[in-house]
Amino acid sequence: MNETEHLNERRLADAWAELQNHSNRGNPLESDAYRLAFADPEFLLRRETRGIRFQLEMLKPDLDQSEQGIENTIVVFGSARFPSPEQAQAALQQARLSNDGAALALAQRQLRNAHYYEQARLFARRVAGYSAHRQREDRLFIATGGGPGIMEAANRGAHEMGALSVGLNIALPHEQQPNPYITPSLSFKFHYFALRKMHFMMRAKALVAFPGGFGTLDELFEIITLVQTRKAKPVPIILFGTEYWRRLIDMDLMVEEGAISPQDLALFSYVDDPEVAWDLIQNFYDLKATPDRP
């Protein structure tokens, strides 16, 4: 960085530092016509500057990921409500002691669904193990929505292998904290769902959707639609948990009623094993197998 660039960056930083000091002294951040536009929160949060906020939410995660070598990701979606096996076991023991029938039924369901948490963790370990000995441009990184449950499991699997992983969190009315396994410098927070979903697709080389709720369905069908309409390049779209997905959505019915074409069923695959999911991705891209499996 030359002296001119450093000086310019210092001046920009000083503008924000001045604003922060103003707030720290207990002064309200009232509108100030003389304040620099880019350091004026009241101005940046106006309805008229929404387009600028779109651009910023697009640019910040993109630059940070590029600078850290994140160019190719495997996106893992799934329920935020599925606990780890350890959490599920602890909840079950507590429910048994409480003699509360409703709590016991809930704990038993959570223990059953914890199976998916473990499978997501193992899948992420497999991806991270493959990438560990690859050149930077050939590595695949786990990316999730950054929250708990299945998202945490996938970030955790990558973290256990010493790999970087991405979390694209969203600001919600009930604050959702990023899970502790995301690489801190790759933990992003979004206001706009649309920009967040765009970032999922920008680097995605595959999507693995574990059982989930409305958010998972929203993200899954947006990606299927983009691939179906050729707005996005074909990527492996994997529905993990055959029984769950077939019970939830009757894809064959849509074919029978003419809502989708028979060939649209080839846009996605059902799997029930992390290794099978990884093999589908390897075969799609003709990736070389690694001698050691984590």
C-alpha atoms as a PDB file:
ATOM      1  CA  MET A   1       0.000   0.000   0.000  1.00  0.00           C
ATOM      2  CA  ASN A   2       1.464   3.366  -1.014  1.00  0.00           C
ATOM      3  CA  GLU A   3       1.408   6.416   1.257  1.00  0.00           C
ATOM      4  CA  THR A   4      -1.514   8.043  -0.543  1.00  0.00           C
ATOM      5  CA  GLU A   5      -3.712   4.955  -0.169  1.00  0.00           C
ATOM      6  CA  HIS A   6      -2.767   4.637   3.483  1.00  0.00           C
ATOM      7  CA  LEU A   7      -3.578   8.284   4.109  1.00  0.00           C
ATOM      8  CA  ASN A   8      -6.968   7.971   2.424  1.00  0.00           C
ATOM      9  CA  GLU A   9      -7.852   4.873   4.449  1.00  0.00           C
ATOM     10  CA  ARG A  10      -6.743   6.597   7.644  1.00  0.00           C
ATOM     11  CA  ARG A  11      -9.011   9.541   6.913  1.00  0.00           C
ATOM     12  CA  LEU A  12     -11.967   7.220   6.319  1.00  0.00           C
ATOM     13  CA  ALA A  13     -11.238   5.379   9.558  1.00  0.00           C
ATOM     14  CA  ASP A  14     -10.954   8.670  11.425  1.00  0.00           C
ATOM     15  CA  ALA A  15     -14.411   9.687  10.243  1.00  0.00           C
ATOM     16  CA  TRP A  16     -15.929   6.580  11.783  1.00  0.00           C
ATOM     17  CA  ALA A  17     -13.795   6.877  14.932  1.00  0.00           C
ATOM     18  CA  GLU A  18     -15.081  10.411  15.443  1.00  0.00           C
ATOM     19  CA  LEU A  19     -18.655   9.176  15.134  1.00  0.00           C
ATOM     20  CA  GLN A  20     -17.991   6.329  17.585  1.00  0.00           C
ATOM     21  CA  ASN A  21     -16.443   8.679  20.130  1.00  0.00           C
ATOM     22  CA  HIS A  22     -19.474  10.936  19.801  1.00  0.00           C
ATOM     23  CA  SER A  23     -21.709   7.987  20.696  1.00  0.00           C
ATOM     24  CA  ASN A  24     -19.446   6.775  23.507  1.00  0.00           C
ATOM     25  CA  ARG A  25     -19.720  10.155  25.187  1.00  0.00           C
ATOM     26  CA  GLY A  26     -23.451   9.590  25.468  1.00  0.00           C
ATOM     27  CA  ASN A  27     -24.425  11.979  22.729  1.00  0.00           C
ATOM     28  CA  PRO A  28     -27.370  10.855  20.575  1.00  0.00           C
ATOM     29  CA  LEU A  29     -26.618  10.237  16.910  1.00  0.00           C
ATOM     30  CA  GLU A  30     -28.838  12.933  15.536  1.00  0.00           C
ATOM     31  CA  SER A  31     -28.977  13.994  11.916  1.00  0.00           C
ATOM     32  CA  ASP A  32     -26.026  16.208  11.001  1.00  0.00           C
ATOM     33  CA  ALA A  33     -25.830  17.781   7.561  1.00  0.00           C
ATOM     34  CA  TYR A  34     -22.078  18.375   7.933  1.00  0.00           C
ATOM     35  CA  ARG A  35     -21.256  14.721   8.668  1.00  0.00           C
ATOM     36  CA  LEU A  36     -19.560  12.808   5.847  1.00  0.00           C
ATOM     37  CA  ALA A  37     -22.247  10.900   3.948  1.00  0.00           C
ATOM     38  CA  PHE A  38     -20.613   7.468   4.281  1.00  0.00           C
ATOM     39  CA  ALA A  39     -20.214   7.989   8.053  1.00  0.00           C
ATOM     40  CA  ASP A  40     -23.802   9.123   8.596  1.00  0.00           C
ATOM     41  CA  PRO A  41     -25.985   6.252   9.911  1.00  0.00           C
ATOM     42  CA  GLU A  42     -29.178   8.289   9.699  1.00  0.00           C
ATOM     43  CA  PHE A  43     -28.504   8.918   6.020  1.00  0.00           C
ATOM     44  CA  LEU A  44     -27.472   5.325   5.222  1.00  0.00           C
ATOM     45  CA  LEU A  45     -30.615   3.939   6.865  1.00  0.00           C
ATOM     46  CA  ARG A  46     -33.046   6.095   4.897  1.00  0.00           C
ATOM     47  CA  ARG A  47     -35.510   4.371   2.581  1.00  0.00           C
ATOM     48  CA  GLU A  48     -33.939   6.186  -0.368  1.00  0.00           C
ATOM     49  CA  THR A  49     -30.491   4.673   0.307  1.00  0.00           C
ATOM     50  CA  ARG A  50     -31.724   1.084   0.291  1.00  0.00           C
ATOM     51  CA  GLY A  51     -29.939   0.452  -3.008  1.00  0.00           C
ATOM     52  CA  ILE A  52     -26.654   1.483  -1.411  1.00  0.00           C
ATOM     53  CA  ARG A  53     -27.252  -0.954   1.440  1.00  0.00           C
ATOM     54  CA  PHE A  54     -27.909  -3.697  -1.122  1.00  0.00           C
ATOM     55  CA  GLN A  55     -24.555  -2.949  -2.712  1.00  0.00           C
ATOM     56  CA  LEU A  56     -22.738  -2.959   0.616  1.00  0.00           C
ATOM     57  CA  GLU A  57     -24.290  -6.263   1.662  1.00  0.00           C
ATOM     58  CA  MET A  58     -23.282  -7.688  -1.681  1.00  0.00           C
ATOM     59  CA  LEU A  59     -19.729  -6.357  -1.611  1.00  0.00           C
ATOM     60  CA  LYS A  60     -18.514  -6.900   1.954  1.00  0.00           C
ATOM     61  CA  PRO A  61     -18.859 -10.724   2.142  1.00  0.00           C
ATOM     62  CA  ASP A  62     -17.639 -11.071  -1.436  1.00  0.00           C
ATOM     63  CA  LEU A  63     -14.411  -9.171  -0.811  1.00  0.00           C
ATOM     64  CA  ASP A  64     -13.724 -10.884   2.511  1.00  0.00           C
ATOM     65  CA  GLN A  65     -14.230 -14.359   1.075  1.00  0.00           C
ATOM     66  CA  SER A  66     -12.080 -13.644  -1.975  1.00  0.00           C
ATOM     67  CA  GLU A  67      -9.265 -12.313   0.196  1.00  0.00           C
ATOM     68  CA  GLN A  68      -9.316 -15.548   2.235  1.00  0.00           C
ATOM     69  CA  GLY A  69      -9.365 -17.860  -0.776  1.00  0.00           C
ATOM     70  CA  ILE A  70     -13.007 -18.922  -0.553  1.00  0.00           C
ATOM     71  CA  GLU A  71     -13.988 -19.454  -4.186  1.00  0.00           C
ATOM     72  CA  ASN A  72     -15.794 -22.820  -4.165  1.00  0.00           C
ATOM     73  CA  THR A  73     -18.288 -23.862  -1.506  1.00  0.00           C
ATOM     74  CA  ILE A  74     -20.534 -26.767  -0.607  1.00  0.00           C
ATOM     75  CA  VAL A  75     -23.675 -25.256   0.874  1.00  0.00           C
ATOM     76  CA  VAL A  76     -25.386 -27.178   3.671  1.00  0.00           C
ATOM     77  CA  PHE A  77     -28.953 -26.268   4.635  1.00  0.00           C
ATOM     78  CA  GLY A  78     -31.171 -27.782   7.332  1.00  0.00           C
ATOM     79  CA  SER A  79     -33.154 -27.234  10.471  1.00  0.00           C
ATOM     80  CA  ALA A  80     -31.871 -24.928  13.183  1.00  0.00           C
ATOM     81  CA  ARG A  81     -33.888 -26.999  15.683  1.00  0.00           C
ATOM     82  CA  PHE A  82     -32.097 -30.344  15.441  1.00  0.00           C
ATOM     83  CA  PRO A  83     -29.706 -30.678  18.396  1.00  0.00           C
ATOM     84  CA  SER A  84     -26.414 -32.510  18.643  1.00  0.00           C
ATOM     85  CA  PRO A  85     -26.541 -36.086  19.980  1.00  0.00           C
ATOM     86  CA  GLU A  86     -24.916 -34.856  23.203  1.00  0.00           C
ATOM     87  CA  GLN A  87     -27.571 -32.188  23.704  1.00  0.00           C
ATOM     88  CA  ALA A  88     -30.359 -34.606  22.833  1.00  0.00           C
ATOM     89  CA  GLN A  89     -29.138 -37.231  25.306  1.00  0.00           C
ATOM     90  CA  ALA A  90     -28.897 -34.654  28.087  1.00  0.00           C
ATOM     91  CA  ALA A  91     -32.399 -33.380  27.340  1.00  0.00           C
ATOM     92  CA  LEU A  92     -33.769 -36.934  27.365  1.00  0.00           C
ATOM     93  CA  GLN A  93     -32.255 -37.700  30.754  1.00  0.00           C
ATOM     94  CA  GLN A  94     -33.687 -34.499  32.186  1.00  0.00           C
ATOM     95  CA  ALA A  95     -37.124 -35.248  30.723  1.00  0.00           C
ATOM     96  CA  ARG A  96     -37.135 -38.727  32.253  1.00  0.00           C
ATOM     97  CA  LEU A  97     -36.421 -37.245  35.658  1.00  0.00           C
ATOM     98  CA  SER A  98     -39.194 -34.682  35.310  1.00  0.00           C
ATOM     99  CA  ASN A  99     -41.994 -37.223  34.734  1.00  0.00           C
ATOM    100  CA  ASP A 100     -43.400 -34.788  32.169  1.00  0.00           C
ATOM    101  CA  GLY A 101     -44.974 -36.721  29.298  1.00  0.00           C
ATOM    102  CA  ALA A 102     -44.852 -33.830  26.833  1.00  0.00           C
ATOM    103  CA  ALA A 103     -41.216 -33.072  27.653  1.00  0.00           C
ATOM    104  CA  LEU A 104     -40.336 -36.748  27.271  1.00  0.00           C
ATOM    105  CA  ALA A 105     -41.999 -36.965  23.843  1.00  0.00           C
ATOM    106  CA  LEU A 106     -40.152 -33.833  22.711  1.00  0.00           C
ATOM    107  CA  ALA A 107     -36.829 -35.167  23.979  1.00  0.00           C
ATOM    108  CA  GLN A 108     -37.349 -38.476  22.198  1.00  0.00           C
ATOM    109  CA  ARG A 109     -38.091 -36.670  18.936  1.00  0.00           C
ATOM    110  CA  GLN A 110     -34.987 -34.509  19.353  1.00  0.00           C
ATOM    111  CA  LEU A 111     -32.866 -37.593  19.936  1.00  0.00           C
ATOM    112  CA  ARG A 112     -34.245 -39.137  16.750  1.00  0.00           C
ATOM    113  CA  ASN A 113     -33.487 -36.004  14.739  1.00  0.00           C
ATOM    114  CA  ALA A 114     -30.006 -35.678  16.247  1.00  0.00           C
ATOM    115  CA  HIS A 115     -29.068 -38.401  13.770  1.00  0.00           C
ATOM    116  CA  TYR A 116     -29.160 -35.742  11.035  1.00  0.00           C
ATOM    117  CA  TYR A 117     -26.879 -33.452  13.040  1.00  0.00           C
ATOM    118  CA  GLU A 118     -24.281 -36.217  13.206  1.00  0.00           C
ATOM    119  CA  GLN A 119     -24.577 -37.001   9.508  1.00  0.00           C
ATOM    120  CA  ALA A 120     -24.121 -33.342   8.581  1.00  0.00           C
ATOM    121  CA  ARG A 121     -21.012 -33.187  10.757  1.00  0.00           C
ATOM    122  CA  LEU A 122     -19.550 -36.283   9.105  1.00  0.00           C
ATOM    123  CA  PHE A 123     -20.316 -34.986   5.623  1.00  0.00           C
ATOM    124  CA  ALA A 124     -18.535 -31.702   6.350  1.00  0.00           C
ATOM    125  CA  ARG A 125     -15.528 -33.610   7.675  1.00  0.00           C
ATOM    126  CA  ARG A 126     -15.426 -35.509   4.404  1.00  0.00           C
ATOM    127  CA  VAL A 127     -15.406 -32.309   2.346  1.00  0.00           C
ATOM    128  CA  ALA A 128     -12.742 -30.734   4.555  1.00  0.00           C
ATOM    129  CA  GLY A 129     -10.615 -33.872   4.394  1.00  0.00           C
ATOM    130  CA  TYR A 130     -10.660 -33.795   0.611  1.00  0.00           C
ATOM    131  CA  SER A 131      -9.662 -30.134   0.468  1.00  0.00           C
ATOM    132  CA  ALA A 132      -6.892 -30.319   3.042  1.00  0.00           C
ATOM    133  CA  HIS A 133      -4.232 -31.380   0.537  1.00  0.00           C
ATOM    134  CA  ARG A 134      -5.518 -29.525  -2.514  1.00  0.00           C
ATOM    135  CA  GLN A 135      -4.226 -26.379  -4.126  1.00  0.00           C
ATOM    136  CA  ARG A 136      -5.991 -23.247  -2.920  1.00  0.00           C
ATOM    137  CA  GLU A 137      -8.011 -22.829  -6.117  1.00  0.00           C
ATOM    138  CA  ASP A 138      -9.234 -26.452  -5.959  1.00  0.00           C
ATOM    139  CA  ARG A 139     -10.431 -26.457  -2.351  1.00  0.00           C
ATOM    140  CA  LEU A 140     -14.078 -26.811  -1.383  1.00  0.00           C
ATOM    141  CA  PHE A 141     -15.325 -25.056   1.725  1.00  0.00           C
ATOM    142  CA  ILE A 142     -18.437 -25.642   3.795  1.00  0.00           C
ATOM    143  CA  ALA A 143     -20.913 -22.748   3.840  1.00  0.00           C
ATOM    144  CA  THR A 144     -24.045 -22.646   5.992  1.00  0.00           C
ATOM    145  CA  GLY A 145     -26.667 -20.226   7.241  1.00  0.00           C
ATOM    146  CA  GLY A 146     -24.494 -19.764  10.305  1.00  0.00           C
ATOM    147  CA  GLY A 147     -27.056 -20.720  12.945  1.00  0.00           C
ATOM    148  CA  PRO A 148     -27.546 -23.713  15.261  1.00  0.00           C
ATOM    149  CA  GLY A 149     -28.736 -27.230  14.443  1.00  0.00           C
ATOM    150  CA  ILE A 150     -27.726 -28.675  11.079  1.00  0.00           C
ATOM    151  CA  MET A 151     -25.840 -25.488  10.242  1.00  0.00           C
ATOM    152  CA  GLU A 152     -23.765 -25.805  13.396  1.00  0.00           C
ATOM    153  CA  ALA A 153     -23.109 -29.474  12.644  1.00  0.00           C
ATOM    154  CA  ALA A 154     -21.634 -28.718   9.223  1.00  0.00           C
ATOM    155  CA  ASN A 155     -19.470 -25.854  10.480  1.00  0.00           C
ATOM    156  CA  ARG A 156     -18.398 -28.098  13.354  1.00  0.00           C
ATOM    157  CA  GLY A 157     -17.300 -30.891  11.034  1.00  0.00           C
ATOM    158  CA  ALA A 158     -15.118 -28.506   9.042  1.00  0.00           C
ATOM    159  CA  HIS A 159     -13.747 -26.937  12.231  1.00  0.00           C
ATOM    160  CA  GLU A 160     -12.766 -30.356  13.601  1.00  0.00           C
ATOM    161  CA  MET A 161     -10.649 -30.904  10.488  1.00  0.00           C
ATOM    162  CA  GLY A 162      -8.933 -27.538  10.855  1.00  0.00           C
ATOM    163  CA  ALA A 163     -10.665 -26.122   7.779  1.00  0.00           C
ATOM    164  CA  LEU A 164     -12.130 -22.700   7.156  1.00  0.00           C
ATOM    165  CA  SER A 165     -15.919 -22.548   6.898  1.00  0.00           C
ATOM    166  CA  VAL A 166     -18.432 -19.831   6.118  1.00  0.00           C
ATOM    167  CA  GLY A 167     -21.538 -18.717   8.013  1.00  0.00           C
ATOM    168  CA  LEU A 168     -24.103 -16.439   6.344  1.00  0.00           C
ATOM    169  CA  ASN A 169     -26.357 -15.445   9.218  1.00  0.00           C
ATOM    170  CA  ILE A 170     -29.481 -13.299   9.078  1.00  0.00           C
ATOM    171  CA  ALA A 171     -30.809 -10.634  11.428  1.00  0.00           C
ATOM    172  CA  LEU A 172     -34.160 -11.846  12.785  1.00  0.00           C
ATOM    173  CA  PRO A 173     -36.705 -10.418  15.263  1.00  0.00           C
ATOM    174  CA  HIS A 174     -35.523 -13.072  17.708  1.00  0.00           C
ATOM    175  CA  GLU A 175     -31.770 -12.692  17.409  1.00  0.00           C
ATOM    176  CA  GLN A 176     -29.990 -15.730  15.976  1.00  0.00           C
ATOM    177  CA  GLN A 177     -26.401 -15.949  17.170  1.00  0.00           C
ATOM    178  CA  PRO A 178     -23.722 -17.435  14.930  1.00  0.00           C
ATOM    179  CA  ASN A 179     -22.654 -20.898  15.989  1.00  0.00           C
ATOM    180  CA  PRO A 180     -19.178 -21.179  17.578  1.00  0.00           C
ATOM    181  CA  TYR A 181     -17.643 -23.314  14.814  1.00  0.00           C
ATOM    182  CA  ILE A 182     -17.706 -20.769  11.972  1.00  0.00           C
ATOM    183  CA  THR A 183     -14.336 -19.262  11.096  1.00  0.00           C
ATOM    184  CA  PRO A 184     -14.646 -15.841  12.805  1.00  0.00           C
ATOM    185  CA  SER A 185     -13.377 -13.893   9.798  1.00  0.00           C
ATOM    186  CA  LEU A 186     -15.973 -15.673   7.626  1.00  0.00           C
ATOM    187  CA  SER A 187     -18.973 -15.112   9.890  1.00  0.00           C
ATOM    188  CA  PHE A 188     -21.286 -12.666   8.122  1.00  0.00           C
ATOM    189  CA  LYS A 189     -24.587 -11.095   9.102  1.00  0.00           C
ATOM    190  CA  PHE A 190     -27.239 -10.039   6.601  1.00  0.00           C
ATOM    191  CA  HIS A 191     -30.334  -7.891   6.778  1.00  0.00           C
ATOM    192  CA  TYR A 192     -31.718  -8.830   3.357  1.00  0.00           C
ATOM    193  CA  PHE A 193     -32.702 -12.433   2.654  1.00  0.00           C
ATOM    194  CA  ALA A 194     -32.284 -11.863  -1.084  1.00  0.00           C
ATOM    195  CA  LEU A 195     -28.632 -10.817  -0.764  1.00  0.00           C
ATOM    196  CA  ARG A 196     -27.924 -13.674   1.609  1.00  0.00           C
ATOM    197  CA  LYS A 197     -29.362 -16.228  -0.832  1.00  0.00           C
ATOM    198  CA  MET A 198     -27.405 -14.673  -3.670  1.00  0.00           C
ATOM    199  CA  HIS A 199     -24.202 -15.200  -1.695  1.00  0.00           C
ATOM    200  CA  PHE A 200     -25.101 -18.853  -1.151  1.00  0.00           C
ATOM    201  CA  MET A 201     -25.279 -19.352  -4.917  1.00  0.00           C
ATOM    202  CA  MET A 202     -22.306 -17.212  -5.978  1.00  0.00           C
ATOM    203  CA  ARG A 203     -19.716 -19.788  -4.905  1.00  0.00           C
ATOM    204  CA  ALA A 204     -21.819 -22.934  -4.530  1.00  0.00           C
ATOM    205  CA  LYS A 205     -20.577 -26.053  -6.284  1.00  0.00           C
ATOM    206  CA  ALA A 206     -23.231 -28.220  -4.598  1.00  0.00           C
ATOM    207  CA  LEU A 207     -26.203 -27.943  -2.264  1.00  0.00           C
ATOM    208  CA  VAL A 208     -26.922 -30.515   0.435  1.00  0.00           C
ATOM    209  CA  ALA A 209     -30.333 -29.960   2.022  1.00  0.00           C
ATOM    210  CA  PHE A 210     -30.978 -31.808   5.274  1.00  0.00           C
ATOM    211  CA  PRO A 211     -34.480 -31.951   6.782  1.00  0.00           C
ATOM    212  CA  GLY A 212     -35.673 -28.505   7.732  1.00  0.00           C
ATOM    213  CA  GLY A 213     -38.555 -26.074   7.838  1.00  0.00           C
ATOM    214  CA  PHE A 214     -39.732 -23.044   5.886  1.00  0.00           C
ATOM    215  CA  GLY A 215     -36.273 -21.499   5.592  1.00  0.00           C
ATOM    216  CA  THR A 216     -34.756 -24.692   4.231  1.00  0.00           C
ATOM    217  CA  LEU A 217     -37.591 -25.089   1.730  1.00  0.00           C
ATOM    218  CA  ASP A 218     -37.255 -21.471   0.624  1.00  0.00           C
ATOM    219  CA  GLU A 219     -33.544 -21.821  -0.041  1.00  0.00           C
ATOM    220  CA  LEU A 220     -33.873 -25.272  -1.633  1.00  0.00           C
ATOM    221  CA  PHE A 221     -36.581 -24.357  -4.111  1.00  0.00           C
ATOM    222  CA  GLU A 222     -34.964 -21.084  -5.085  1.00  0.00           C
ATOM    223  CA  ILE A 223     -31.849 -22.992  -6.122  1.00  0.00           C
ATOM    224  CA  ILE A 224     -33.834 -25.719  -7.908  1.00  0.00           C
ATOM    225  CA  THR A 225     -35.741 -22.995  -9.774  1.00  0.00           C
ATOM    226  CA  LEU A 226     -32.556 -21.160 -10.768  1.00  0.00           C
ATOM    227  CA  VAL A 227     -31.041 -24.374 -12.155  1.00  0.00           C
ATOM    228  CA  GLN A 228     -34.295 -25.460 -13.834  1.00  0.00           C
ATOM    229  CA  THR A 229     -34.673 -22.103 -15.592  1.00  0.00           C
ATOM    230  CA  ARG A 230     -30.953 -21.988 -16.447  1.00  0.00           C
ATOM    231  CA  LYS A 231     -30.400 -18.827 -14.480  1.00  0.00           C
ATOM    232  CA  ALA A 232     -27.658 -20.758 -12.664  1.00  0.00           C
ATOM    233  CA  LYS A 233     -25.265 -23.448 -13.789  1.00  0.00           C
ATOM    234  CA  PRO A 234     -26.224 -27.043 -12.914  1.00  0.00           C
ATOM    235  CA  VAL A 235     -24.860 -28.176  -9.552  1.00  0.00           C
ATOM    236  CA  PRO A 236     -25.517 -31.307  -7.510  1.00  0.00           C
ATOM    237  CA  ILE A 237     -28.655 -30.737  -5.422  1.00  0.00           C
ATOM    238  CA  ILE A 238     -28.816 -33.408  -2.746  1.00  0.00           C
ATOM    239  CA  LEU A 239     -31.782 -34.076  -0.477  1.00  0.00           C
ATOM    240  CA  PHE A 240     -30.394 -35.818   2.581  1.00  0.00           C
ATOM    241  CA  GLY A 241     -32.980 -37.981   4.353  1.00  0.00           C
ATOM    242  CA  THR A 242     -35.057 -39.817   1.761  1.00  0.00           C
ATOM    243  CA  GLU A 243     -37.950 -40.656   4.070  1.00  0.00           C
ATOM    244  CA  TYR A 244     -38.320 -37.072   5.275  1.00  0.00           C
ATOM    245  CA  TRP A 245     -38.229 -35.488   1.840  1.00  0.00           C
ATOM    246  CA  ARG A 246     -40.498 -38.030   0.144  1.00  0.00           C
ATOM    247  CA  ARG A 247     -43.064 -37.693   2.931  1.00  0.00           C
ATOM    248  CA  LEU A 248     -42.864 -33.909   2.848  1.00  0.00           C
ATOM    249  CA  ILE A 249     -43.009 -33.287  -0.926  1.00  0.00           C
ATOM    250  CA  ASP A 250     -44.576 -35.564  -3.530  1.00  0.00           C
ATOM    251  CA  MET A 251     -42.457 -34.686  -6.545  1.00  0.00           C
ATOM    252  CA  ASP A 252     -44.060 -37.484  -8.585  1.00  0.00           C
ATOM    253  CA  LEU A 253     -47.452 -35.853  -8.095  1.00  0.00           C
ATOM    254  CA  MET A 254     -46.154 -32.678  -9.702  1.00  0.00           C
ATOM    255  CA  VAL A 255     -45.037 -34.724 -12.720  1.00  0.00           C
ATOM    256  CA  GLU A 256     -48.381 -36.544 -12.909  1.00  0.00           C
ATOM    257  CA  GLU A 257     -50.255 -33.243 -12.849  1.00  0.00           C
ATOM    258  CA  GLY A 258     -47.956 -31.657 -15.412  1.00  0.00           C
ATOM    259  CA  ALA A 259     -46.669 -29.002 -13.012  1.00  0.00           C
ATOM    260  CA  ILE A 260     -43.075 -30.043 -13.745  1.00  0.00           C
ATOM    261  CA  SER A 261     -41.489 -32.151 -16.474  1.00  0.00           C
ATOM    262  CA  PRO A 262     -40.283 -35.731 -15.862  1.00  0.00           C
ATOM    263  CA  GLN A 263     -36.710 -34.626 -16.563  1.00  0.00           C
ATOM    264  CA  ASP A 264     -36.938 -32.107 -13.721  1.00  0.00           C
ATOM    265  CA  LEU A 265     -36.673 -35.017 -11.301  1.00  0.00           C
ATOM    266  CA  ALA A 266     -33.052 -35.377 -12.424  1.00  0.00           C
ATOM    267  CA  LEU A 267     -32.247 -31.963 -10.933  1.00  0.00           C
ATOM    268  CA  PHE A 268     -31.855 -33.488  -7.469  1.00  0.00           C
ATOM    269  CA  SER A 269     -30.926 -36.747  -5.741  1.00  0.00           C
ATOM    270  CA  TYR A 270     -32.031 -38.437  -2.526  1.00  0.00           C
ATOM    271  CA  VAL A 271     -29.335 -39.827  -0.210  1.00  0.00           C
ATOM    272  CA  ASP A 272     -29.084 -41.207   3.306  1.00  0.00           C
ATOM    273  CA  ASP A 273     -25.350 -41.521   3.800  1.00  0.00           C
ATOM    274  CA  PRO A 274     -22.615 -38.840   3.928  1.00  0.00           C
ATOM    275  CA  GLU A 275     -20.300 -40.898   1.742  1.00  0.00           C
ATOM    276  CA  VAL A 276     -22.962 -41.300  -0.934  1.00  0.00           C
ATOM    277  CA  ALA A 277     -23.560 -37.547  -0.895  1.00  0.00           C
ATOM    278  CA  TRP A 278     -19.856 -36.894  -1.292  1.00  0.00           C
ATOM    279  CA  ASP A 279     -19.538 -39.505  -4.064  1.00  0.00           C
ATOM    280  CA  LEU A 280     -22.282 -37.748  -6.040  1.00  0.00           C
ATOM    281  CA  ILE A 281     -20.352 -34.494  -5.861  1.00  0.00           C
ATOM    282  CA  GLN A 282     -17.068 -36.165  -6.767  1.00  0.00           C
ATOM    283  CA  ASN A 283     -18.624 -37.916  -9.756  1.00  0.00           C
ATOM    284  CA  PHE A 284     -20.348 -34.755 -10.969  1.00  0.00           C
ATOM    285  CA  TYR A 285     -17.036 -32.861 -11.120  1.00  0.00           C
ATOM    286  CA  ASP A 286     -14.805 -35.878 -11.790  1.00  0.00           C
ATOM    287  CA  LEU A 287     -12.772 -35.136  -8.687  1.00  0.00           C
ATOM    288  CA  LYS A 288      -9.861 -37.367  -7.852  1.00  0.00           C
ATOM    289  CA  ALA A 289     -10.406 -39.490  -4.783  1.00  0.00           C
ATOM    290  CA  THR A 290      -8.164 -38.991  -1.784  1.00  0.00           C
ATOM    291  CA  PRO A 291      -6.253 -41.970  -0.352  1.00  0.00           C
ATOM    292  CA  ASP A 292      -7.101 -41.181   3.279  1.00  0.00           C
ATOM    293  CA  ARG A 293     -10.605 -40.784   4.576  1.00  0.00           C
ATOM    294  CA  PRO A 294     -11.206 -38.826   7.804  1.00  0.00           C
END
